[in-house]
Amino acid sequence: MSIELLVAPKGSNKKRNRVGRGPGSGNGKTSGRGHKGQNSRKGGGVRLGFEGGQTPLYRRLPKRGFGNSRFETKYNEVNLSLLNIFKDGQSVNIEEMDKAGILYSKRLPVKILGGGDLTKKIEITAHKFSKTAKEKIEKIGGKIVIIE
């Protein structure tokens, strides 16, 4: 087989429709745009979301309330059950948690939550503690250090 014998499959090479070219093409004169009107003009047509002068959907729907998500403080949330990987009597700080791969981001402050049970007596250093986390840590004999 040689390259000059290769033929494209039938229908794969379709002729481009050249708009505005004489009789026979079916797209002469007005180039398939019809007569007059906004869409017949160069640069014509309406913007995205335009509904012909009717109040558009994005203006009809209610926009209520204040979203605080831009201003809220996000935390690395760590459940107590995850802290069982540390040794008994160990002092656990943010660096230790980051090395263990518990934290989502090193930049965010850390909050210890009371999910699960803590079985080891450890000293935990974090920015915030939930009420249940404090109770569980102190009940087992651990210590809490809050970073300001």
Protein backbone atom coordinates (compact mmCIF):
# COMPACT_ATOMS: atom_id res chain seq x y z
CA MET A 1 0.00 0.00 0.00
CA SER A 2 1.31 3.44 -0.90
CA ILE A 3 0.28 6.90 0.25
CA GLU A 4 -1.17 7.96 -3.12
CA LEU A 5 -3.68 5.10 -2.96
CA LEU A 6 -5.16 6.27 0.35
CA VAL A 7 -8.68 7.67 -0.03
CA ALA A 8 -10.78 9.36 2.66
CA PRO A 9 -14.03 7.54 3.50
CA LYS A 10 -17.13 8.80 1.71
CA GLY A 11 -18.76 11.72 3.55
CA SER A 12 -15.73 12.55 5.70
CA ASN A 13 -14.74 15.57 3.62
CA LYS A 14 -17.81 17.78 3.44
CA LYS A 15 -17.67 20.97 1.39
CA ARG A 16 -17.76 24.16 3.48
CA ASN A 17 -20.95 26.20 3.20
CA ARG A 18 -19.90 29.56 1.72
CA VAL A 19 -22.63 31.98 2.72
CA GLY A 20 -23.64 34.89 0.46
CA ARG A 21 -22.39 33.34 -2.76
CA GLY A 22 -24.69 33.54 -5.81
CA PRO A 23 -27.52 31.36 -6.99
CA GLY A 24 -27.54 27.62 -6.43
CA SER A 25 -26.04 27.69 -2.94
CA GLY A 26 -29.36 28.54 -1.35
CA ASN A 27 -27.60 31.03 0.90
CA GLY A 28 -27.17 33.98 -1.43
CA LYS A 29 -28.54 37.53 -1.08
CA THR A 30 -29.44 37.69 2.65
CA SER A 31 -27.06 34.82 3.51
CA GLY A 32 -29.75 32.84 5.33
CA ARG A 33 -30.46 35.67 7.80
CA GLY A 34 -33.86 36.65 6.43
CA HIS A 35 -35.00 40.25 5.81
CA LYS A 36 -34.44 43.13 8.24
CA GLY A 37 -34.54 42.84 12.00
CA GLN A 38 -31.94 42.69 14.72
CA ASN A 39 -30.55 39.29 13.80
CA SER A 40 -30.06 40.24 10.16
CA ARG A 41 -27.55 42.95 11.08
CA LYS A 42 -23.86 42.67 11.66
CA GLY A 43 -23.27 42.43 15.41
CA GLY A 44 -26.99 41.81 15.88
CA GLY A 45 -28.60 39.52 18.41
CA VAL A 46 -29.35 39.84 22.10
CA ARG A 47 -27.17 39.50 25.17
CA LEU A 48 -27.08 36.41 27.34
CA GLY A 49 -30.14 36.17 29.59
CA PHE A 50 -32.22 38.66 27.55
CA GLU A 51 -35.87 37.62 27.35
CA GLY A 52 -37.23 40.10 24.82
CA GLY A 53 -37.90 42.86 27.33
CA GLN A 54 -39.64 40.59 29.84
CA THR A 55 -38.00 40.85 33.27
CA PRO A 56 -35.29 38.20 33.07
CA LEU A 57 -35.19 35.17 35.36
CA TYR A 58 -32.13 36.38 37.26
CA ARG A 59 -34.09 39.51 38.26
CA ARG A 60 -37.34 37.69 39.02
CA LEU A 61 -35.83 35.29 41.54
CA PRO A 62 -35.55 36.53 45.14
CA LYS A 63 -32.15 37.47 46.47
CA ARG A 64 -32.39 37.43 50.22
CA GLY A 65 -30.19 37.60 53.24
CA PHE A 66 -26.55 38.17 53.92
CA GLY A 67 -23.92 35.55 53.21
CA ASN A 68 -21.18 35.51 55.81
CA SER A 69 -19.03 32.92 54.04
CA ARG A 70 -16.52 35.55 52.88
CA PHE A 71 -15.82 36.62 56.47
CA GLU A 72 -16.13 33.42 58.50
CA THR A 73 -13.07 31.85 60.09
CA LYS A 74 -12.37 28.43 58.67
CA TYR A 75 -10.65 25.81 60.83
CA ASN A 76 -8.76 22.56 60.51
CA GLU A 77 -11.27 20.38 62.34
CA VAL A 78 -9.66 17.46 64.15
CA ASN A 79 -11.70 14.82 65.97
CA LEU A 80 -10.36 13.28 69.17
CA SER A 81 -10.37 9.79 67.65
CA LEU A 82 -7.65 10.89 65.21
CA LEU A 83 -5.33 11.85 68.09
CA ASN A 84 -5.07 8.23 69.28
CA ILE A 85 -2.10 7.72 66.91
CA PHE A 86 0.13 9.68 69.32
CA LYS A 87 1.95 8.06 72.26
CA ASP A 88 0.66 8.22 75.83
CA GLY A 89 2.00 11.30 77.66
CA GLN A 90 3.14 12.97 74.43
CA SER A 91 2.77 16.71 73.85
CA VAL A 92 0.85 17.22 70.59
CA ASN A 93 1.04 20.55 68.77
CA ILE A 94 0.13 21.76 65.28
CA GLU A 95 3.48 20.69 63.78
CA GLU A 96 3.03 17.15 65.13
CA MET A 97 -0.50 16.96 63.71
CA ASP A 98 0.73 18.23 60.34
CA LYS A 99 3.53 15.62 60.23
CA ALA A 100 0.94 12.93 61.01
CA GLY A 101 -1.16 14.13 58.06
CA ILE A 102 -4.21 15.03 60.15
CA LEU A 103 -4.46 18.68 59.08
CA TYR A 104 -6.16 19.89 55.90
CA SER A 105 -4.03 23.05 55.65
CA LYS A 106 -1.15 24.32 57.76
CA ARG A 107 -2.31 27.92 57.29
CA LEU A 108 -5.71 27.47 58.95
CA PRO A 109 -6.14 27.50 62.73
CA VAL A 110 -6.85 24.17 64.44
CA LYS A 111 -10.03 23.29 66.32
CA ILE A 112 -10.29 20.05 68.28
CA LEU A 113 -13.75 18.47 68.14
CA GLY A 114 -15.18 15.81 70.45
CA GLY A 115 -15.85 13.16 67.80
CA GLY A 116 -14.90 9.68 68.92
CA ASP A 117 -13.01 8.76 72.09
CA LEU A 118 -9.51 9.59 73.21
CA THR A 119 -7.72 6.65 74.85
CA LYS A 120 -4.34 8.28 75.51
CA LYS A 121 -3.39 10.86 78.14
CA ILE A 122 -1.82 13.61 76.01
CA GLU A 123 -1.22 17.37 76.13
CA ILE A 124 -2.91 19.03 73.13
CA THR A 125 -2.02 22.48 71.81
CA ALA A 126 -4.57 24.08 69.45
CA HIS A 127 -6.41 27.33 68.72
CA LYS A 128 -9.85 26.16 69.82
CA PHE A 129 -11.53 23.24 71.56
CA SER A 130 -15.20 22.25 71.54
CA LYS A 131 -16.95 21.83 74.90
CA THR A 132 -17.20 18.03 74.52
CA ALA A 133 -13.55 17.76 73.45
CA LYS A 134 -12.44 19.68 76.58
CA GLU A 135 -14.53 17.44 78.80
CA LYS A 136 -13.23 14.21 77.24
CA ILE A 137 -9.56 15.29 77.37
CA GLU A 138 -9.76 16.43 80.99
CA LYS A 139 -11.76 13.32 82.01
CA ILE A 140 -8.99 11.02 80.76
CA GLY A 141 -6.32 13.15 82.48
CA GLY A 142 -4.98 15.02 79.46
CA LYS A 143 -4.07 18.70 79.27
CA ILE A 144 -5.29 21.54 77.04
CA VAL A 145 -3.14 24.44 75.81
CA ILE A 146 -4.94 27.17 73.87
CA ILE A 147 -2.97 29.21 71.33
CA GLU A 148 -3.98 32.88 71.25
